[in-house]
Amino acid sequence: MKIPYSLIPSSTLMGKVIITKVPLLKLEFKEYYINCLIDTGAVVSVMPSEFGEALGLEIKKGEPFVMKGIDNINMPSYIHEVNFFIDKYEIKLKIAFSDGFKFPFGLLGREGFFDYFEVHFYQKKGFFELISC
């Protein structure tokens, strides 16, 4: 499945706005969806607690997990196993939901997601490809 990169505005350290190509993937959960950045540097998948609550999860009843981002700050989270759809594929994935996660997208980490798909990035051509394992 070939998916075009999304174009999003981004700011440089000098304040200049540039357009960045990013691999965003739409995950569908019955009546909801969330766009997620495929993050090869993340071990676990992460989403904001508010999204998990919208899905009907009692976030703090999940498995406690402390994440540490690139800023080296501990972020308490709770892991839940969630079923979602990508195109025609139904996937079960462990997701860490956190009140401290304030990113505009979810993050798809390597653990779990990469067990279902091979991911090939074609940055210069402007798309990425998912191949079912």
N, C-alpha and C. Protein backbone atom coordinates (compact mmCIF):
# COMPACT_ATOMS: atom_id res chain seq x y z
N MET A 1 0.84 -1.15 0.00
CA MET A 1 0.00 0.00 0.00
C MET A 1 0.91 1.24 0.00
N LYS A 2 0.82 2.06 -1.05
CA LYS A 2 1.62 3.28 -1.16
C LYS A 2 0.80 4.45 -0.65
N ILE A 3 1.43 5.26 0.21
CA ILE A 3 0.74 6.39 0.84
C ILE A 3 1.61 7.64 0.66
N PRO A 4 1.03 8.70 0.09
CA PRO A 4 1.83 9.92 -0.07
C PRO A 4 2.15 10.56 1.27
N TYR A 5 3.32 11.17 1.34
CA TYR A 5 3.67 11.94 2.52
C TYR A 5 2.69 13.10 2.69
N SER A 6 2.46 13.49 3.93
CA SER A 6 1.67 14.68 4.21
C SER A 6 2.61 15.87 4.27
N LEU A 7 2.14 16.99 3.83
CA LEU A 7 2.93 18.22 3.89
C LEU A 7 2.41 19.05 5.05
N ILE A 8 3.30 19.37 5.99
CA ILE A 8 2.90 20.17 7.15
C ILE A 8 3.89 21.32 7.33
N PRO A 9 3.40 22.45 7.85
CA PRO A 9 4.32 23.55 8.12
C PRO A 9 5.17 23.24 9.35
N SER A 10 6.39 23.70 9.32
CA SER A 10 7.32 23.49 10.42
C SER A 10 8.16 24.76 10.56
N SER A 11 8.66 25.02 11.75
CA SER A 11 9.49 26.20 11.97
C SER A 11 10.94 25.80 12.22
N THR A 12 11.86 26.56 11.66
CA THR A 12 13.27 26.33 11.93
C THR A 12 13.65 27.09 13.21
N LEU A 13 14.86 26.88 13.71
CA LEU A 13 15.31 27.58 14.91
C LEU A 13 15.34 29.09 14.70
N MET A 14 15.49 29.52 13.45
CA MET A 14 15.55 30.96 13.15
C MET A 14 14.16 31.55 12.91
N GLY A 15 13.10 30.72 13.09
CA GLY A 15 11.74 31.23 12.95
C GLY A 15 11.17 31.17 11.54
N LYS A 16 11.95 30.66 10.61
CA LYS A 16 11.47 30.54 9.23
C LYS A 16 10.52 29.35 9.13
N VAL A 17 9.38 29.54 8.47
CA VAL A 17 8.43 28.46 8.28
C VAL A 17 8.75 27.73 6.98
N ILE A 18 8.85 26.42 7.08
CA ILE A 18 9.12 25.60 5.91
C ILE A 18 8.03 24.52 5.83
N ILE A 19 7.89 23.91 4.67
CA ILE A 19 6.96 22.80 4.51
C ILE A 19 7.77 21.51 4.59
N THR A 20 7.34 20.62 5.46
CA THR A 20 8.04 19.37 5.69
C THR A 20 7.19 18.20 5.22
N LYS A 21 7.81 17.20 4.57
CA LYS A 21 7.12 15.98 4.17
C LYS A 21 7.26 14.97 5.30
N VAL A 22 6.12 14.45 5.78
CA VAL A 22 6.15 13.49 6.88
C VAL A 22 5.27 12.28 6.58
N PRO A 23 5.67 11.10 7.10
CA PRO A 23 4.88 9.89 6.89
C PRO A 23 3.75 9.77 7.93
N LEU A 24 2.58 10.31 7.58
CA LEU A 24 1.41 10.22 8.46
C LEU A 24 0.50 9.11 7.96
N LEU A 25 -0.03 8.34 8.91
CA LEU A 25 -0.90 7.23 8.59
C LEU A 25 -2.20 7.38 9.38
N LYS A 26 -3.31 7.23 8.71
CA LYS A 26 -4.62 7.34 9.35
C LYS A 26 -5.00 5.99 9.96
N LEU A 27 -5.20 5.97 11.29
CA LEU A 27 -5.67 4.79 12.00
C LEU A 27 -7.14 4.98 12.31
N GLU A 28 -7.95 3.99 11.97
CA GLU A 28 -9.39 4.10 12.19
C GLU A 28 -9.83 3.18 13.31
N PHE A 29 -10.65 3.72 14.21
CA PHE A 29 -11.20 2.99 15.34
C PHE A 29 -12.71 3.17 15.29
N LYS A 30 -13.42 2.25 14.73
CA LYS A 30 -14.88 2.35 14.62
C LYS A 30 -15.28 3.75 14.18
N GLU A 31 -15.78 4.58 15.11
CA GLU A 31 -16.27 5.90 14.70
C GLU A 31 -15.22 7.02 14.79
N TYR A 32 -14.01 6.70 15.19
CA TYR A 32 -12.97 7.72 15.33
C TYR A 32 -11.76 7.38 14.46
N TYR A 33 -10.94 8.38 14.25
CA TYR A 33 -9.64 8.12 13.61
C TYR A 33 -8.63 9.10 14.17
N ILE A 34 -7.37 8.74 14.01
CA ILE A 34 -6.27 9.62 14.40
C ILE A 34 -5.15 9.46 13.38
N ASN A 35 -4.55 10.56 13.00
CA ASN A 35 -3.38 10.52 12.13
C ASN A 35 -2.16 10.32 13.00
N CYS A 36 -1.29 9.40 12.59
CA CYS A 36 -0.10 9.06 13.37
C CYS A 36 1.15 9.19 12.53
N LEU A 37 2.17 9.73 13.13
CA LEU A 37 3.48 9.81 12.51
C LEU A 37 4.19 8.48 12.71
N ILE A 38 4.68 7.89 11.63
CA ILE A 38 5.47 6.67 11.76
C ILE A 38 6.85 7.09 12.24
N ASP A 39 7.19 6.68 13.47
CA ASP A 39 8.41 7.15 14.13
C ASP A 39 9.34 5.98 14.38
N THR A 40 10.32 5.80 13.52
CA THR A 40 11.24 4.68 13.66
C THR A 40 12.14 4.82 14.89
N GLY A 41 12.18 5.99 15.49
CA GLY A 41 12.98 6.20 16.69
C GLY A 41 12.22 5.89 17.97
N ALA A 42 10.91 5.72 17.87
CA ALA A 42 10.10 5.42 19.05
C ALA A 42 9.95 3.92 19.21
N VAL A 43 10.10 3.44 20.42
CA VAL A 43 9.92 2.02 20.68
C VAL A 43 8.43 1.70 20.75
N VAL A 44 7.68 2.47 21.54
CA VAL A 44 6.25 2.21 21.72
C VAL A 44 5.42 3.24 20.96
N SER A 45 4.17 2.88 20.70
CA SER A 45 3.23 3.81 20.08
C SER A 45 2.61 4.65 21.19
N VAL A 46 2.38 5.94 20.90
CA VAL A 46 1.91 6.87 21.92
C VAL A 46 0.79 7.72 21.37
N MET A 47 -0.21 7.96 22.22
CA MET A 47 -1.32 8.84 21.85
C MET A 47 -1.74 9.63 23.08
N PRO A 48 -2.39 10.78 22.85
CA PRO A 48 -2.87 11.56 23.99
C PRO A 48 -3.98 10.83 24.74
N SER A 49 -4.02 11.02 26.05
CA SER A 49 -5.06 10.40 26.88
C SER A 49 -6.45 10.75 26.39
N GLU A 50 -6.63 11.99 25.92
CA GLU A 50 -7.96 12.43 25.48
C GLU A 50 -8.49 11.54 24.35
N PHE A 51 -7.62 11.07 23.49
CA PHE A 51 -8.06 10.21 22.41
C PHE A 51 -8.50 8.85 22.96
N GLY A 52 -7.73 8.31 23.89
CA GLY A 52 -8.11 7.03 24.52
C GLY A 52 -9.44 7.14 25.25
N GLU A 53 -9.66 8.26 25.91
CA GLU A 53 -10.94 8.47 26.60
C GLU A 53 -12.09 8.53 25.61
N ALA A 54 -11.87 9.16 24.45
CA ALA A 54 -12.89 9.21 23.41
C ALA A 54 -13.24 7.81 22.92
N LEU A 55 -12.27 6.89 22.98
CA LEU A 55 -12.50 5.51 22.57
C LEU A 55 -13.22 4.71 23.66
N GLY A 56 -13.41 5.32 24.84
CA GLY A 56 -14.09 4.65 25.93
C GLY A 56 -13.17 3.95 26.92
N LEU A 57 -11.88 4.20 26.82
CA LEU A 57 -10.93 3.57 27.74
C LEU A 57 -10.85 4.33 29.06
N GLU A 58 -10.69 3.60 30.14
CA GLU A 58 -10.38 4.21 31.43
C GLU A 58 -8.86 4.20 31.52
N ILE A 59 -8.26 5.30 31.12
CA ILE A 59 -6.82 5.37 30.89
C ILE A 59 -6.01 4.86 32.08
N LYS A 60 -6.31 5.30 33.28
CA LYS A 60 -5.48 4.95 34.44
C LYS A 60 -5.66 3.52 34.90
N LYS A 61 -6.55 2.75 34.24
CA LYS A 61 -6.68 1.32 34.53
C LYS A 61 -5.76 0.49 33.64
N GLY A 62 -5.03 1.15 32.75
CA GLY A 62 -4.07 0.45 31.90
C GLY A 62 -2.80 0.11 32.66
N GLU A 63 -1.90 -0.56 32.00
CA GLU A 63 -0.62 -0.93 32.60
C GLU A 63 0.26 0.31 32.72
N PRO A 64 0.66 0.69 33.95
CA PRO A 64 1.50 1.88 34.12
C PRO A 64 2.83 1.73 33.38
N PHE A 65 3.25 2.82 32.77
CA PHE A 65 4.48 2.81 31.98
C PHE A 65 5.05 4.22 32.00
N VAL A 66 6.33 4.35 32.24
CA VAL A 66 6.96 5.66 32.23
C VAL A 66 7.82 5.76 30.97
N MET A 67 7.45 6.72 30.13
CA MET A 67 8.22 6.95 28.90
C MET A 67 9.24 8.03 29.16
N LYS A 68 10.31 7.97 28.40
CA LYS A 68 11.33 9.01 28.46
C LYS A 68 11.61 9.43 27.03
N GLY A 69 11.32 10.67 26.70
CA GLY A 69 11.51 11.17 25.35
C GLY A 69 12.93 11.65 25.11
N ILE A 70 13.13 12.27 23.95
CA ILE A 70 14.47 12.75 23.62
C ILE A 70 14.91 13.88 24.55
N ASP A 71 13.93 14.53 25.22
CA ASP A 71 14.27 15.58 26.18
C ASP A 71 14.67 15.01 27.54
N ASN A 72 14.64 13.66 27.67
CA ASN A 72 15.02 12.94 28.87
C ASN A 72 14.10 13.21 30.06
N ILE A 73 12.88 13.62 29.81
CA ILE A 73 11.90 13.88 30.87
C ILE A 73 10.95 12.69 30.96
N ASN A 74 10.71 12.22 32.19
CA ASN A 74 9.79 11.11 32.40
C ASN A 74 8.35 11.56 32.14
N MET A 75 7.60 10.72 31.41
CA MET A 75 6.21 11.03 31.12
C MET A 75 5.36 9.81 31.49
N PRO A 76 4.59 9.91 32.59
CA PRO A 76 3.74 8.78 32.99
C PRO A 76 2.70 8.50 31.90
N SER A 77 2.46 7.21 31.66
CA SER A 77 1.47 6.81 30.68
C SER A 77 0.88 5.47 31.10
N TYR A 78 -0.14 5.05 30.36
CA TYR A 78 -0.82 3.80 30.65
C TYR A 78 -1.04 3.05 29.34
N ILE A 79 -0.62 1.80 29.32
CA ILE A 79 -0.70 1.01 28.09
C ILE A 79 -2.02 0.24 28.03
N HIS A 80 -2.65 0.35 26.86
CA HIS A 80 -3.87 -0.39 26.56
C HIS A 80 -3.68 -1.08 25.21
N GLU A 81 -4.28 -2.24 25.06
CA GLU A 81 -4.28 -2.93 23.78
C GLU A 81 -5.54 -2.51 23.02
N VAL A 82 -5.35 -2.01 21.81
CA VAL A 82 -6.46 -1.45 21.04
C VAL A 82 -6.47 -2.05 19.64
N ASN A 83 -7.66 -2.36 19.14
CA ASN A 83 -7.81 -2.80 17.75
C ASN A 83 -8.09 -1.59 16.88
N PHE A 84 -7.44 -1.54 15.73
CA PHE A 84 -7.70 -0.46 14.79
C PHE A 84 -7.56 -0.99 13.37
N PHE A 85 -7.94 -0.15 12.42
CA PHE A 85 -7.90 -0.54 11.01
C PHE A 85 -6.98 0.39 10.23
N ILE A 86 -6.22 -0.23 9.33
CA ILE A 86 -5.46 0.49 8.31
C ILE A 86 -5.93 -0.12 7.00
N ASP A 87 -6.68 0.65 6.24
CA ASP A 87 -7.25 0.14 5.01
C ASP A 87 -8.08 -1.09 5.36
N LYS A 88 -7.77 -2.25 4.81
CA LYS A 88 -8.54 -3.47 5.07
C LYS A 88 -7.95 -4.32 6.19
N TYR A 89 -6.85 -3.89 6.79
CA TYR A 89 -6.16 -4.68 7.81
C TYR A 89 -6.63 -4.29 9.20
N GLU A 90 -7.01 -5.30 10.00
CA GLU A 90 -7.31 -5.05 11.41
C GLU A 90 -6.08 -5.42 12.21
N ILE A 91 -5.64 -4.51 13.05
CA ILE A 91 -4.40 -4.65 13.80
C ILE A 91 -4.70 -4.49 15.29
N LYS A 92 -4.00 -5.26 16.12
CA LYS A 92 -4.08 -5.08 17.58
C LYS A 92 -2.73 -4.55 18.03
N LEU A 93 -2.75 -3.42 18.72
CA LEU A 93 -1.51 -2.75 19.07
C LEU A 93 -1.56 -2.24 20.50
N LYS A 94 -0.44 -2.38 21.21
CA LYS A 94 -0.33 -1.78 22.54
C LYS A 94 0.03 -0.31 22.36
N ILE A 95 -0.75 0.55 23.00
CA ILE A 95 -0.55 1.99 22.87
C ILE A 95 -0.41 2.60 24.26
N ALA A 96 0.59 3.46 24.43
CA ALA A 96 0.77 4.19 25.68
C ALA A 96 -0.01 5.50 25.56
N PHE A 97 -0.99 5.69 26.44
CA PHE A 97 -1.77 6.92 26.47
C PHE A 97 -1.25 7.78 27.62
N SER A 98 -1.03 9.07 27.33
CA SER A 98 -0.45 9.94 28.34
C SER A 98 -1.06 11.33 28.31
N ASP A 99 -1.30 11.88 29.51
CA ASP A 99 -1.76 13.26 29.64
C ASP A 99 -0.67 14.23 29.19
N GLY A 100 0.58 13.82 29.33
CA GLY A 100 1.70 14.70 28.99
C GLY A 100 2.06 14.72 27.52
N PHE A 101 1.42 13.88 26.72
CA PHE A 101 1.74 13.80 25.29
C PHE A 101 0.93 14.87 24.57
N LYS A 102 1.59 15.92 24.12
CA LYS A 102 0.90 17.08 23.50
C LYS A 102 1.35 17.28 22.06
N PHE A 103 1.50 16.22 21.33
CA PHE A 103 1.91 16.26 19.93
C PHE A 103 0.65 16.32 19.08
N PRO A 104 0.67 17.00 17.93
CA PRO A 104 -0.56 17.10 17.13
C PRO A 104 -0.99 15.80 16.46
N PHE A 105 -0.16 14.76 16.51
CA PHE A 105 -0.46 13.46 15.93
C PHE A 105 -0.12 12.38 16.94
N GLY A 106 -0.65 11.17 16.74
CA GLY A 106 -0.16 10.02 17.50
C GLY A 106 1.20 9.62 16.93
N LEU A 107 1.92 8.79 17.65
CA LEU A 107 3.19 8.25 17.16
C LEU A 107 3.06 6.73 17.06
N LEU A 108 3.47 6.18 15.94
CA LEU A 108 3.53 4.73 15.78
C LEU A 108 4.97 4.31 15.95
N GLY A 109 5.26 3.60 17.04
CA GLY A 109 6.60 3.13 17.31
C GLY A 109 6.86 1.76 16.71
N ARG A 110 8.08 1.30 16.88
CA ARG A 110 8.50 0.04 16.25
C ARG A 110 7.81 -1.18 16.86
N GLU A 111 7.68 -1.21 18.19
CA GLU A 111 7.14 -2.38 18.87
C GLU A 111 5.67 -2.58 18.48
N GLY A 112 5.38 -3.71 17.91
CA GLY A 112 4.00 -4.01 17.52
C GLY A 112 3.72 -3.63 16.08
N PHE A 113 3.74 -2.36 15.77
CA PHE A 113 3.38 -1.91 14.43
C PHE A 113 4.29 -2.53 13.37
N PHE A 114 5.59 -2.58 13.63
CA PHE A 114 6.53 -3.11 12.65
C PHE A 114 6.50 -4.65 12.60
N ASP A 115 5.74 -5.27 13.49
CA ASP A 115 5.51 -6.71 13.39
C ASP A 115 4.45 -7.02 12.32
N TYR A 116 3.60 -6.06 12.03
CA TYR A 116 2.54 -6.24 11.03
C TYR A 116 2.95 -5.80 9.63
N PHE A 117 3.83 -4.80 9.55
CA PHE A 117 4.16 -4.22 8.26
C PHE A 117 5.67 -4.01 8.10
N GLU A 118 6.14 -4.24 6.88
CA GLU A 118 7.44 -3.70 6.49
C GLU A 118 7.14 -2.28 6.05
N VAL A 119 8.00 -1.35 6.43
CA VAL A 119 7.78 0.05 6.06
C VAL A 119 8.96 0.50 5.22
N HIS A 120 8.66 1.02 4.05
CA HIS A 120 9.69 1.53 3.14
C HIS A 120 9.43 3.02 2.92
N PHE A 121 10.45 3.82 3.13
CA PHE A 121 10.33 5.27 2.97
C PHE A 121 10.98 5.71 1.67
N TYR A 122 10.28 6.53 0.92
CA TYR A 122 10.79 7.09 -0.33
C TYR A 122 10.68 8.61 -0.24
N GLN A 123 11.52 9.18 0.60
CA GLN A 123 11.46 10.61 0.91
C GLN A 123 11.52 11.47 -0.35
N LYS A 124 12.48 11.19 -1.20
CA LYS A 124 12.67 12.00 -2.39
C LYS A 124 11.47 11.92 -3.33
N LYS A 125 10.84 10.75 -3.39
CA LYS A 125 9.68 10.56 -4.27
C LYS A 125 8.38 10.99 -3.61
N GLY A 126 8.40 11.23 -2.29
CA GLY A 126 7.24 11.78 -1.60
C GLY A 126 6.19 10.77 -1.16
N PHE A 127 6.59 9.52 -0.90
CA PHE A 127 5.62 8.55 -0.39
C PHE A 127 6.33 7.51 0.47
N PHE A 128 5.50 6.76 1.21
CA PHE A 128 6.02 5.59 1.94
C PHE A 128 5.12 4.41 1.59
N GLU A 129 5.63 3.22 1.85
CA GLU A 129 4.91 2.02 1.47
C GLU A 129 4.82 1.07 2.66
N LEU A 130 3.64 0.51 2.85
CA LEU A 130 3.42 -0.52 3.87
C LEU A 130 3.22 -1.85 3.15
N ILE A 131 3.98 -2.86 3.56
CA ILE A 131 3.84 -4.19 3.00
C ILE A 131 3.49 -5.13 4.15
N SER A 132 2.34 -5.78 4.05
CA SER A 132 1.87 -6.68 5.10
C SER A 132 2.83 -7.84 5.27
N CYS A 133 3.18 -8.15 6.52
CA CYS A 133 4.09 -9.27 6.81
C CYS A 133 3.33 -10.60 6.86
